[in-house]
Structures are given as structure tokens and as C-alpha cells.
Amino acid sequence: MSGQSSASTVSQRLAGLLARRPGPDDRRRAALHLLDWTGCAAAALPSPAASSMRKAAEPAVQNRDWQGLALYLGALGNVLEMDDVDKRGLLHPGPVVIPAALIAAGAAGASDEVMLDAIVRGYEATIRVGRAVGPGHYRYWHNTSTCGPFGAAAAASSILGLDAGQTAEALGLAGTQASGLWQARHESRSSAKQLHTARAAHAGLLAANLVNAGFVGLTTILEGEQGFFAAMAPGAEPAHVAVLRDGWAINDVSFKPWPACRHAHAAIDAALALHADGTKSDNVISGCIFAYADAATFCDNPAPRDPLSAKFSLQHSVASALVHGSPRLEHFDDVGLADHRVKQVRERLVVRVDPEIEARYPTRFGARLRVKLRGGGEVEFDAPDAFGDPENPMTAFDIQEKFRMLCDSAQISSRAQEEMLGCVDGPSPGASLRDAALGLLIGRSS
């Protein structure tokens, strides 16, 4: 990907910025995000959503139909709600950008360095658009699904070697396919969120492939009078998409240690602090989770009925942490949901919006937990930043351990795990991150 655009549309200016070359530290960061996504996708393989998508996409899997594979791999990363997240954009870049980059690299036979550069650029495009759409968009639209196609297109364009003008056209074709409504969250049995990420990855990859084949795209999709911002994002700030900034946005992205909605993570951290300090769950007679408004809107649910709604329940997440300590996948399955100790605690918890926490959001995803104990005592812990955020980061070792835990849950062989981990640490003869990830998730090509 080369060249700078002198034209004036937002997509053209963004494409010019994406032509910058990421550095070694940015590639190392991208490799960690690839590792994290691969673990999340691997752990999702036994899920009903993944099984259904695999069945529908089986011809693409068997025949290495790269475009069709985008739908399958794109559906996997978000199933467990452990995918990476950009706080300010309120979206998850990994589940969309990485499948598109991985598939484009596989189809082109691209090197790991080319693929990792593409991931950095894809994250940049997704995050820049996500940070510009504003709360009016997030009210109805799933930002990962609507802003993700821009990142998938940027990543695939990078691997295909499209110049800035072509990349801008691919961004336009991606944007005109943007979709994904939050109504999906109101039916907990639905797998629509996985279709959102699958379609976003597919849309971006398709857009880049079309432009590469000579198909004419469009360059005013973002700011046009009948374009993306005008139609879908009241109060958007289009100029923010193409403002020159130091560094790459991938370095601002948060990792998620716990298998729950990110809006619940700071509250989980507060509960873990109380648990570690000796607070016994059976001594809790009542409690209040103080959070920001979006956390309350999406996750105030004292009576979750299934594993997905448990992941979107502040009360269940906090109660589980108070009872068990560090949350694990099984704490959010049907057995974990039915645990009478957790049920008793979550029924005693309420959620309140705190003005100070709200004022810091979305720059900071904070929470505070206050519980009353038998005998009249009261304890409280303030978690201003969730574990995994840049202000409270997970280490590379933490991310590797998360990967191992997720792969173990899906019975991925230790050999496949160690091959992937070895490639993340650095190039090794005869092995690549691309092949290790694809091999772990869909098997070796015959």
C-alpha cells in the first residue's frame, strides 16, 4: 500500500494516513491481538453459533473459498464476549479486522509482516470511524458491525497492495454495506451479534477484492449528504476520522480478561478486590454497583435467564466474582447461572448511575462497588479503570495465559497452542502466524 491522496474526501484523507508504515512495536502489538482473537475464536468452536455457521459455511471451509471463509471466521471472535475493545469507539476491532486480514493474507500468501501491518491499519480505520460516530449512533447501531467493515477493507487493501486512491474506494464500498442493529441484544437466544461481525468482515474483504478487480467504488460515503454519517450517526464528527495523530490506535485498545460484557469488567474488578480482601459472599446482605449510564442500560439485569444474558448482567458478574473469585467460562454457563450461592448474592445487588463515573466515560470504564455485611459493616472498592485497559494493562504473559485457558476449554492440542505462541514470540523457520492461526481454527490444507 503506497502513495498519498491529495483529494479532499474523508475516505481519501483516511486512506492517505493509512499509507504510513507501522513500526516493529506496532507489529508486536498486532501479534498479541491476533493471539488474543485466535484464543477467543478457538474457545467459541464448540458453541451452537459456531457449529451452525460452520455447517452453513462448510463448502467454503473444505474448498478454501477465502471470501466465504470470512463469514465463518468472522462469526467466532465475539461469541464469548472476551474480544478486545476500544473504549472511545465503543467497539471490538479484533473480531472483524483480524479475520479479514488473516484470510486476505492466506489467499495472497502474504508474509506475517505484511499481515501484521494490515491489522494495524485495519484497527486504525475501524477505531477512527468508531470514535467519530457519537452516542446517537450507538443508541441503535452495533458499532463493531457498522464501523468494522471500514477496518476489514483497510486491512485487505493493505495486503492486496492497493494505493491510497483505491483504498478510499474500498472504504466506500465497505461503508455502504454497514449494518447491525442493537435489537439483536433484546433476544438473548439469538446469534445475530455473530452474524454482525461475520458480515462486517465479509463486507470489508469483498470491498477490497472488488476494487482490486477493477470495480469502481465511492469516496464520499462518510460525509455525503446521503452517506453513512448523515443517515446513521446524528451528532457525528466526520473531521475526526482523518485528523493526523502520533502513533497508531491499536496501542490504545483494551484486552478483556473476563468472559463478560466489557461494561461489567470494572465492577468485576471491584468485586475481586473485595473478595481478595476477605469479604465473604454469604455475609453480603445488600450491595450497590455504581457505574456509567451505558453499563446500566446494557447490563442492569438481576435475573439473567441464559448464558448470554449472564454475560450482560452486572449483578451476575459481580456476584460470581464475590463467590468464586476470578471469573471463568463455566461461571457463565447454565450451571454457573443456576448456582444458588451466586443467585442469592445477585438478587441483593442493585445498579445505580454515578455522575462522576459517567463524566469520565468513555475515556475511562470505571465502577464502584459498595456492599453491606451482616453485623452492620460496610465495605467499598473503587475501580476507575478496568483490568486490560491501557491505564491498567494486561501483560503479554497475561494474554498468553488467557490464550492457553481458552484453547484448553476447546480441547485444542498443546502442540497447536505452542506453535501459535512460538510464532508470536518471533519468526521461526517453516512456521508463520498466519498458518498457525488458520491451522488451529480450520485445520491444515490438504
Protein backbone atom coordinates (compact mmCIF):
# COMPACT_ATOMS: atom_id res chain seq x y z
CA MET A 1 0.00 0.00 0.00
CA SER A 2 1.66 3.20 -1.10
CA GLY A 3 1.04 6.79 -2.09
CA GLN A 4 -0.69 9.75 -0.51
CA SER A 5 -4.02 11.19 -1.63
CA SER A 6 -4.24 14.91 -2.36
CA ALA A 7 -8.04 14.83 -2.69
CA SER A 8 -10.37 16.10 -0.02
CA THR A 9 -12.97 13.49 0.89
CA VAL A 10 -12.79 11.97 4.35
CA SER A 11 -12.17 8.47 2.98
CA GLN A 12 -9.36 9.72 0.76
CA ARG A 13 -7.66 11.52 3.63
CA LEU A 14 -8.04 8.47 5.84
CA ALA A 15 -6.54 6.25 3.14
CA GLY A 16 -3.58 8.62 2.93
CA LEU A 17 -2.99 8.34 6.66
CA LEU A 18 -3.19 4.56 6.48
CA ALA A 19 -0.34 4.51 3.98
CA ARG A 20 2.10 5.25 6.81
CA ARG A 21 4.30 2.31 7.77
CA PRO A 22 3.77 0.72 11.18
CA GLY A 23 6.89 0.07 13.24
CA PRO A 24 8.21 -3.07 14.95
CA ASP A 25 6.46 -2.27 18.25
CA ASP A 26 3.15 -1.84 16.41
CA ARG A 27 3.60 -5.22 14.74
CA ARG A 28 4.34 -6.87 18.08
CA ARG A 29 1.17 -5.33 19.44
CA ALA A 30 -0.77 -6.61 16.42
CA ALA A 31 0.63 -10.11 17.03
CA LEU A 32 -0.75 -10.05 20.59
CA HIS A 33 -4.16 -9.03 19.29
CA LEU A 34 -4.02 -11.84 16.73
CA LEU A 35 -3.15 -14.28 19.52
CA ASP A 36 -5.99 -12.96 21.66
CA TRP A 37 -8.52 -13.21 18.84
CA THR A 38 -7.36 -16.73 17.96
CA GLY A 39 -7.92 -17.85 21.56
CA CYS A 40 -11.39 -16.30 21.63
CA ALA A 41 -12.26 -17.88 18.28
CA ALA A 42 -10.91 -21.29 19.34
CA ALA A 43 -12.93 -21.33 22.55
CA ALA A 44 -16.05 -20.48 20.53
CA LEU A 45 -15.68 -23.51 18.24
CA PRO A 46 -17.91 -25.83 20.35
CA SER A 47 -20.67 -23.20 20.64
CA PRO A 48 -24.03 -23.58 18.87
CA ALA A 49 -23.44 -20.35 16.95
CA ALA A 50 -20.08 -21.56 15.63
CA SER A 51 -21.44 -25.01 14.82
CA SER A 52 -24.32 -23.53 12.84
CA MET A 53 -22.06 -21.15 10.95
CA ARG A 54 -19.60 -23.97 10.24
CA LYS A 55 -22.41 -26.07 8.81
CA ALA A 56 -23.56 -23.22 6.59
CA ALA A 57 -20.01 -22.41 5.50
CA GLU A 58 -18.75 -25.99 5.13
CA PRO A 59 -18.19 -25.77 1.35
CA ALA A 60 -16.07 -22.65 1.87
CA VAL A 61 -14.08 -24.36 4.64
CA GLN A 62 -13.47 -27.52 2.66
CA ASN A 63 -12.58 -25.76 -0.59
CA ARG A 64 -10.59 -22.88 0.95
CA ASP A 65 -13.06 -20.39 -0.54
CA TRP A 66 -11.38 -17.41 1.08
CA GLN A 67 -14.26 -14.98 0.65
CA GLY A 68 -16.71 -17.48 2.09
CA LEU A 69 -14.37 -18.24 4.96
CA ALA A 70 -14.72 -14.63 6.09
CA LEU A 71 -18.26 -15.36 7.22
CA TYR A 72 -17.18 -18.36 9.27
CA LEU A 73 -14.10 -16.91 10.95
CA GLY A 74 -15.81 -13.54 11.34
CA ALA A 75 -18.53 -15.14 13.44
CA LEU A 76 -16.18 -16.66 16.02
CA GLY A 77 -14.32 -13.92 17.88
CA ASN A 78 -17.26 -12.31 19.65
CA VAL A 79 -19.12 -15.43 20.84
CA LEU A 80 -17.62 -15.47 24.34
CA GLU A 81 -17.61 -11.69 24.88
CA MET A 82 -13.85 -11.80 25.56
CA ASP A 83 -12.73 -9.92 22.45
CA ASP A 84 -10.62 -6.76 22.54
CA VAL A 85 -12.31 -3.36 22.76
CA ASP A 86 -11.63 0.29 22.01
CA LYS A 87 -13.19 2.29 24.83
CA ARG A 88 -13.67 5.56 22.98
CA GLY A 89 -15.09 3.91 19.88
CA LEU A 90 -17.27 1.53 21.90
CA LEU A 91 -16.40 -1.30 19.53
CA HIS A 92 -14.42 -4.50 19.16
CA PRO A 93 -11.90 -4.29 16.29
CA GLY A 94 -10.46 -7.81 16.54
CA PRO A 95 -13.47 -9.96 15.57
CA VAL A 96 -13.83 -8.09 12.27
CA VAL A 97 -10.38 -6.84 11.25
CA ILE A 98 -8.33 -9.94 12.10
CA PRO A 99 -10.42 -12.49 10.14
CA ALA A 100 -10.31 -10.21 7.09
CA ALA A 101 -6.54 -9.74 7.41
CA LEU A 102 -5.90 -13.43 8.07
CA ILE A 103 -8.00 -14.54 5.10
CA ALA A 104 -6.56 -11.92 2.74
CA ALA A 105 -3.05 -12.97 3.82
CA GLY A 106 -3.88 -16.62 3.30
CA ALA A 107 -5.28 -16.01 -0.17
CA ALA A 108 -2.31 -13.86 -1.20
CA GLY A 109 0.37 -15.94 0.53
CA ALA A 110 1.42 -12.77 2.35
CA SER A 111 4.15 -12.74 4.96
CA ASP A 112 3.46 -12.23 8.63
CA GLU A 113 4.98 -8.76 8.47
CA VAL A 114 2.59 -7.74 5.70
CA MET A 115 -0.34 -9.25 7.60
CA LEU A 116 0.55 -7.52 10.86
CA ASP A 117 0.90 -4.16 9.10
CA ALA A 118 -2.56 -4.76 7.67
CA ILE A 119 -4.00 -5.48 11.12
CA VAL A 120 -2.56 -2.22 12.46
CA ARG A 121 -4.10 -0.30 9.55
CA GLY A 122 -7.42 -2.09 9.88
CA TYR A 123 -7.67 -1.29 13.57
CA GLU A 124 -6.87 2.33 12.75
CA ALA A 125 -9.69 2.68 10.23
CA THR A 126 -12.29 0.96 12.42
CA ILE A 127 -11.37 2.94 15.51
CA ARG A 128 -11.23 6.30 13.76
CA VAL A 129 -14.72 5.84 12.33
CA GLY A 130 -15.98 4.42 15.63
CA ARG A 131 -14.74 7.36 17.62
CA ALA A 132 -16.41 9.76 15.20
CA VAL A 133 -19.95 8.32 15.11
CA GLY A 134 -21.01 9.58 18.55
CA PRO A 135 -23.63 8.38 21.04
CA GLY A 136 -26.52 8.97 18.65
CA HIS A 137 -25.22 6.11 16.51
CA TYR A 138 -24.51 3.79 19.44
CA ARG A 139 -28.08 4.15 20.66
CA TYR A 140 -29.36 1.96 17.82
CA TRP A 141 -26.38 0.63 15.91
CA HIS A 142 -23.82 -2.01 16.88
CA ASN A 143 -20.59 -0.04 16.32
CA THR A 144 -18.49 -3.16 15.79
CA SER A 145 -20.78 -4.19 12.97
CA THR A 146 -21.19 -0.78 11.34
CA CYS A 147 -17.64 0.56 11.70
CA GLY A 148 -15.93 -2.80 11.35
CA PRO A 149 -16.28 -3.06 7.54
CA PHE A 150 -14.07 0.02 7.16
CA GLY A 151 -11.29 -1.72 9.09
CA ALA A 152 -11.72 -5.01 7.26
CA ALA A 153 -11.49 -3.16 3.95
CA ALA A 154 -8.40 -1.24 5.08
CA ALA A 155 -6.67 -4.45 6.19
CA ALA A 156 -7.47 -6.33 3.00
CA SER A 157 -6.49 -3.32 0.86
CA SER A 158 -3.16 -3.22 2.64
CA ILE A 159 -2.44 -6.88 1.88
CA LEU A 160 -3.56 -6.52 -1.73
CA GLY A 161 -1.22 -3.56 -2.17
CA LEU A 162 -3.94 -1.10 -3.18
CA ASP A 163 -2.82 2.51 -3.38
CA ALA A 164 -4.46 5.30 -1.37
CA GLY A 165 -6.98 6.12 -4.08
CA GLN A 166 -8.07 2.50 -4.44
CA THR A 167 -8.19 2.05 -0.68
CA ALA A 168 -10.51 5.06 -0.38
CA GLU A 169 -12.85 3.45 -2.92
CA ALA A 170 -12.77 0.17 -0.98
CA LEU A 171 -13.63 2.07 2.21
CA GLY A 172 -16.64 3.49 0.38
CA LEU A 173 -17.85 0.08 -0.74
CA ALA A 174 -17.40 -1.19 2.82
CA GLY A 175 -19.34 1.71 4.28
CA THR A 176 -22.32 1.29 2.01
CA GLN A 177 -22.69 -2.27 3.36
CA ALA A 178 -22.59 -1.18 7.03
CA SER A 179 -25.38 -2.62 9.17
CA GLY A 180 -26.15 -4.23 12.51
CA LEU A 181 -28.86 -3.08 14.92
CA TRP A 182 -28.83 -3.33 18.70
CA GLN A 183 -32.21 -5.04 18.62
CA ALA A 184 -30.07 -8.16 18.47
CA ARG A 185 -29.34 -7.66 22.16
CA HIS A 186 -33.01 -7.93 23.12
CA GLU A 187 -33.34 -11.60 22.17
CA SER A 188 -30.77 -13.48 24.16
CA ARG A 189 -31.27 -16.73 22.24
CA SER A 190 -30.28 -15.05 19.00
CA SER A 191 -26.85 -15.36 17.40
CA ALA A 192 -27.37 -12.15 15.43
CA LYS A 193 -24.32 -10.48 17.00
CA GLN A 194 -22.15 -13.19 15.46
CA LEU A 195 -23.76 -12.53 12.09
CA HIS A 196 -22.93 -8.85 12.60
CA THR A 197 -19.20 -9.49 12.92
CA ALA A 198 -19.25 -12.13 10.18
CA ARG A 199 -20.92 -9.80 7.71
CA ALA A 200 -18.64 -6.91 8.65
CA ALA A 201 -15.50 -8.98 7.95
CA HIS A 202 -17.02 -10.32 4.75
CA ALA A 203 -18.14 -6.86 3.59
CA GLY A 204 -14.72 -5.28 4.02
CA LEU A 205 -12.89 -8.16 2.36
CA LEU A 206 -15.35 -8.14 -0.53
CA ALA A 207 -14.96 -4.37 -0.96
CA ALA A 208 -11.17 -4.60 -1.27
CA ASN A 209 -11.33 -7.60 -3.61
CA LEU A 210 -13.83 -5.82 -5.84
CA VAL A 211 -11.69 -2.70 -6.16
CA ASN A 212 -8.63 -4.86 -6.80
CA ALA A 213 -10.58 -6.47 -9.67
CA GLY A 214 -11.39 -3.09 -11.21
CA PHE A 215 -14.81 -2.50 -9.69
CA VAL A 216 -15.39 1.24 -9.13
CA GLY A 217 -16.04 2.22 -5.52
CA LEU A 218 -17.02 5.54 -3.97
CA THR A 219 -15.16 8.05 -1.82
CA THR A 220 -17.84 10.23 -0.17
CA ILE A 221 -19.61 7.52 1.83
CA LEU A 222 -18.76 9.05 5.20
CA GLU A 223 -19.65 12.74 4.80
CA GLY A 224 -22.00 12.62 1.77
CA GLU A 225 -25.48 14.10 2.13
CA GLN A 226 -26.99 10.62 1.90
CA GLY A 227 -23.98 8.85 3.35
CA PHE A 228 -23.03 6.97 6.49
CA PHE A 229 -22.88 9.84 8.99
CA ALA A 230 -25.96 11.65 7.65
CA ALA A 231 -28.10 8.53 7.71
CA MET A 232 -26.86 6.70 10.79
CA ALA A 233 -24.92 8.98 13.12
CA PRO A 234 -26.67 12.14 14.37
CA GLY A 235 -24.11 14.33 16.07
CA ALA A 236 -21.17 12.64 14.37
CA GLU A 237 -17.86 14.44 13.92
CA PRO A 238 -16.57 13.33 10.49
CA ALA A 239 -13.48 15.54 10.66
CA HIS A 240 -12.11 13.37 13.49
CA VAL A 241 -11.72 10.42 11.11
CA ALA A 242 -8.77 11.92 9.25
CA VAL A 243 -7.00 14.06 11.86
CA LEU A 244 -3.26 13.41 11.88
CA ARG A 245 -2.15 11.92 15.21
CA ASP A 246 1.05 10.42 16.52
CA GLY A 247 1.16 6.66 16.81
CA TRP A 248 -1.40 4.01 15.93
CA ALA A 249 -4.73 3.47 17.66
CA ILE A 250 -4.13 -0.27 18.13
CA ASN A 251 -1.92 0.66 21.09
CA ASP A 252 -4.95 2.19 22.85
CA VAL A 253 -7.09 -0.94 22.55
CA SER A 254 -8.04 -2.88 25.68
CA PHE A 255 -7.81 -6.62 26.23
CA LYS A 256 -10.60 -8.39 28.12
CA PRO A 257 -9.62 -10.85 30.85
CA TRP A 258 -13.15 -11.87 31.90
CA PRO A 259 -15.87 -13.68 29.86
CA ALA A 260 -18.47 -10.92 30.22
CA CYS A 261 -19.52 -7.70 28.55
CA ARG A 262 -16.80 -5.07 28.89
CA HIS A 263 -19.29 -2.79 30.66
CA ALA A 264 -19.18 -5.28 33.56
CA HIS A 265 -15.40 -5.57 33.87
CA ALA A 266 -14.62 -2.70 36.23
CA ALA A 267 -17.40 -3.89 38.55
CA ILE A 268 -15.90 -7.40 38.42
CA ASP A 269 -12.51 -5.94 39.34
CA ALA A 270 -14.06 -4.17 42.32
CA ALA A 271 -15.71 -7.41 43.43
CA LEU A 272 -12.41 -9.28 43.07
CA ALA A 273 -10.68 -6.69 45.24
CA LEU A 274 -13.27 -7.19 47.98
CA HIS A 275 -13.06 -10.98 47.58
CA ALA A 276 -9.26 -10.86 47.90
CA ASP A 277 -9.59 -8.66 50.98
CA GLY A 278 -11.64 -11.33 52.74
CA THR A 279 -15.22 -10.32 52.01
CA LYS A 280 -17.36 -13.48 52.20
CA SER A 281 -20.24 -13.67 49.77
CA ASP A 282 -22.54 -15.29 52.33
CA ASN A 283 -22.07 -12.24 54.56
CA VAL A 284 -23.39 -9.85 51.90
CA ILE A 285 -26.92 -8.66 52.71
CA SER A 286 -27.14 -5.96 50.02
CA GLY A 287 -24.96 -4.08 47.60
CA CYS A 288 -24.86 -1.31 45.04
CA ILE A 289 -22.90 -1.27 41.79
CA PHE A 290 -22.17 2.32 40.76
CA ALA A 291 -21.45 2.64 37.05
CA TYR A 292 -21.90 4.85 33.99
CA ALA A 293 -25.18 5.04 32.07
CA ASP A 294 -24.28 2.67 29.20
CA ALA A 295 -23.26 -0.02 31.67
CA ALA A 296 -26.65 0.30 33.36
CA THR A 297 -28.51 0.35 30.05
CA PHE A 298 -26.85 -2.78 28.70
CA CYS A 299 -26.10 -4.75 31.86
CA ASP A 300 -28.59 -3.97 34.65
CA ASN A 301 -30.10 -7.45 34.81
CA PRO A 302 -30.65 -9.06 38.22
CA ALA A 303 -32.30 -12.17 36.75
CA PRO A 304 -30.40 -13.45 33.69
CA ARG A 305 -32.05 -16.45 32.09
CA ASP A 306 -29.32 -17.90 29.88
CA PRO A 307 -25.53 -17.75 29.43
CA LEU A 308 -25.61 -14.78 27.06
CA SER A 309 -27.75 -12.65 29.35
CA ALA A 310 -25.50 -13.68 32.26
CA LYS A 311 -22.55 -12.16 30.39
CA PHE A 312 -24.57 -8.95 30.13
CA SER A 313 -25.56 -8.87 33.79
CA LEU A 314 -23.66 -6.66 36.21
CA GLN A 315 -25.37 -8.43 39.09
CA HIS A 316 -24.39 -11.92 37.95
CA SER A 317 -20.84 -10.87 37.08
CA VAL A 318 -20.26 -9.23 40.46
CA ALA A 319 -21.97 -12.00 42.41
CA SER A 320 -19.93 -14.66 40.65
CA ALA A 321 -16.70 -12.81 41.42
CA LEU A 322 -17.67 -12.43 45.08
CA VAL A 323 -18.46 -16.15 45.32
CA HIS A 324 -15.74 -17.72 43.14
CA GLY A 325 -13.02 -15.13 42.64
CA SER A 326 -11.64 -14.72 39.11
CA PRO A 327 -14.45 -15.38 36.60
CA ARG A 328 -14.09 -18.35 34.31
CA LEU A 329 -16.11 -19.52 31.31
CA GLU A 330 -18.07 -22.03 33.36
CA HIS A 331 -19.30 -19.33 35.72
CA PHE A 332 -21.46 -18.01 32.89
CA ASP A 333 -22.84 -21.27 31.53
CA ASP A 334 -26.12 -22.89 32.58
CA VAL A 335 -24.57 -24.49 35.67
CA GLY A 336 -22.96 -21.23 36.75
CA LEU A 337 -26.21 -19.41 36.16
CA ALA A 338 -28.06 -21.85 38.42
CA ASP A 339 -25.51 -21.70 41.29
CA HIS A 340 -27.66 -20.91 44.32
CA ARG A 341 -24.87 -19.03 46.10
CA VAL A 342 -24.44 -16.70 43.11
CA LYS A 343 -28.19 -16.36 42.70
CA GLN A 344 -28.64 -15.29 46.31
CA VAL A 345 -26.00 -12.57 46.03
CA ARG A 346 -27.07 -11.18 42.65
CA GLU A 347 -30.65 -10.78 43.89
CA ARG A 348 -29.30 -8.47 46.60
CA LEU A 349 -27.47 -6.16 44.20
CA VAL A 350 -28.75 -3.02 42.52
CA VAL A 351 -27.21 -0.81 39.84
CA ARG A 352 -27.01 2.98 40.03
CA VAL A 353 -25.55 5.53 37.62
CA ASP A 354 -22.85 7.58 39.34
CA PRO A 355 -22.41 11.13 37.95
CA GLU A 356 -18.63 11.16 38.50
CA ILE A 357 -18.13 7.80 36.81
CA GLU A 358 -20.44 8.89 33.98
CA ALA A 359 -18.46 12.10 33.48
CA ARG A 360 -15.23 10.11 32.89
CA TYR A 361 -16.85 7.71 30.40
CA PRO A 362 -15.94 6.57 27.73
CA THR A 363 -12.37 7.73 28.33
CA ARG A 364 -12.43 5.58 31.44
CA PHE A 365 -14.59 2.49 32.05
CA GLY A 366 -14.96 2.67 35.83
CA ALA A 367 -17.19 1.26 38.55
CA ARG A 368 -17.53 1.28 42.31
CA LEU A 369 -18.96 -1.49 44.47
CA ARG A 370 -20.40 -0.97 47.95
CA VAL A 371 -21.79 -3.87 49.98
CA LYS A 372 -23.40 -4.10 53.39
CA LEU A 373 -22.44 -7.04 55.56
CA ARG A 374 -24.15 -8.99 58.29
CA GLY A 375 -23.50 -7.35 61.62
CA GLY A 376 -23.77 -3.82 60.20
CA GLY A 377 -20.42 -3.44 58.47
CA GLU A 378 -19.92 -1.93 55.01
CA VAL A 379 -17.08 -2.26 52.51
CA GLU A 380 -16.43 -0.45 49.25
CA PHE A 381 -13.94 -0.52 46.39
CA ASP A 382 -13.48 1.93 43.53
CA ALA A 383 -12.15 0.58 40.21
CA PRO A 384 -11.59 3.65 38.00
CA ASP A 385 -10.18 1.58 35.12
CA ALA A 386 -10.97 -1.97 34.07
CA PHE A 387 -8.17 -4.52 34.05
CA GLY A 388 -6.87 -4.76 30.49
CA ASP A 389 -7.31 -1.06 29.72
CA PRO A 390 -4.16 0.92 28.83
CA GLU A 391 -4.37 2.57 32.27
CA ASN A 392 -4.49 -0.88 33.94
CA PRO A 393 -2.89 -3.16 31.34
CA MET A 394 -2.62 -6.90 30.98
CA THR A 395 0.93 -8.06 30.34
CA ALA A 396 1.99 -10.21 27.40
CA PHE A 397 2.16 -13.11 29.86
CA ASP A 398 -1.45 -12.43 30.96
CA ILE A 399 -2.57 -12.52 27.33
CA GLN A 400 -0.69 -15.75 26.68
CA GLU A 401 -2.25 -17.38 29.74
CA LYS A 402 -5.69 -16.26 28.58
CA PHE A 403 -4.96 -17.84 25.19
CA ARG A 404 -3.98 -21.14 26.81
CA MET A 405 -7.09 -21.15 29.02
CA LEU A 406 -9.38 -20.50 26.06
CA CYS A 407 -7.73 -23.15 23.89
CA ASP A 408 -7.83 -25.70 26.70
CA SER A 409 -11.57 -25.11 27.04
CA ALA A 410 -12.00 -26.18 23.41
CA GLN A 411 -9.52 -29.07 23.73
CA ILE A 412 -7.08 -27.53 21.27
CA SER A 413 -3.89 -29.59 21.30
CA SER A 414 -0.93 -28.27 23.23
CA ARG A 415 1.14 -28.66 20.08
CA ALA A 416 -1.11 -26.26 18.14
CA GLN A 417 -1.09 -23.84 21.06
CA GLU A 418 2.69 -23.83 21.41
CA GLU A 419 3.17 -23.43 17.67
CA MET A 420 0.99 -20.31 17.76
CA LEU A 421 2.75 -18.94 20.84
CA GLY A 422 6.14 -19.59 19.30
CA CYS A 423 5.22 -17.62 16.19
CA VAL A 424 4.04 -14.69 18.31
CA ASP A 425 7.42 -14.56 20.03
CA GLY A 426 9.19 -14.16 16.70
CA PRO A 427 9.67 -15.69 13.24
CA SER A 428 10.65 -19.33 13.21
CA PRO A 429 11.82 -21.42 10.26
CA GLY A 430 8.98 -23.02 8.33
CA ALA A 431 6.25 -21.53 10.52
CA SER A 432 4.10 -18.43 10.36
CA LEU A 433 1.46 -16.77 12.48
CA ARG A 434 -0.88 -16.90 9.52
CA ASP A 435 -0.59 -20.64 9.07
CA ALA A 436 -0.60 -21.35 12.80
CA ALA A 437 -3.85 -19.44 13.34
CA LEU A 438 -5.58 -20.89 10.28
CA GLY A 439 -4.39 -24.38 11.13
CA LEU A 440 -5.62 -24.12 14.71
CA LEU A 441 -9.09 -22.92 13.67
CA ILE A 442 -9.86 -24.70 10.39
CA GLY A 443 -7.17 -27.35 10.03
CA ARG A 444 -4.32 -27.73 7.58
CA SER A 445 -4.96 -27.53 3.87
CA SER A 446 -4.62 -30.84 2.08
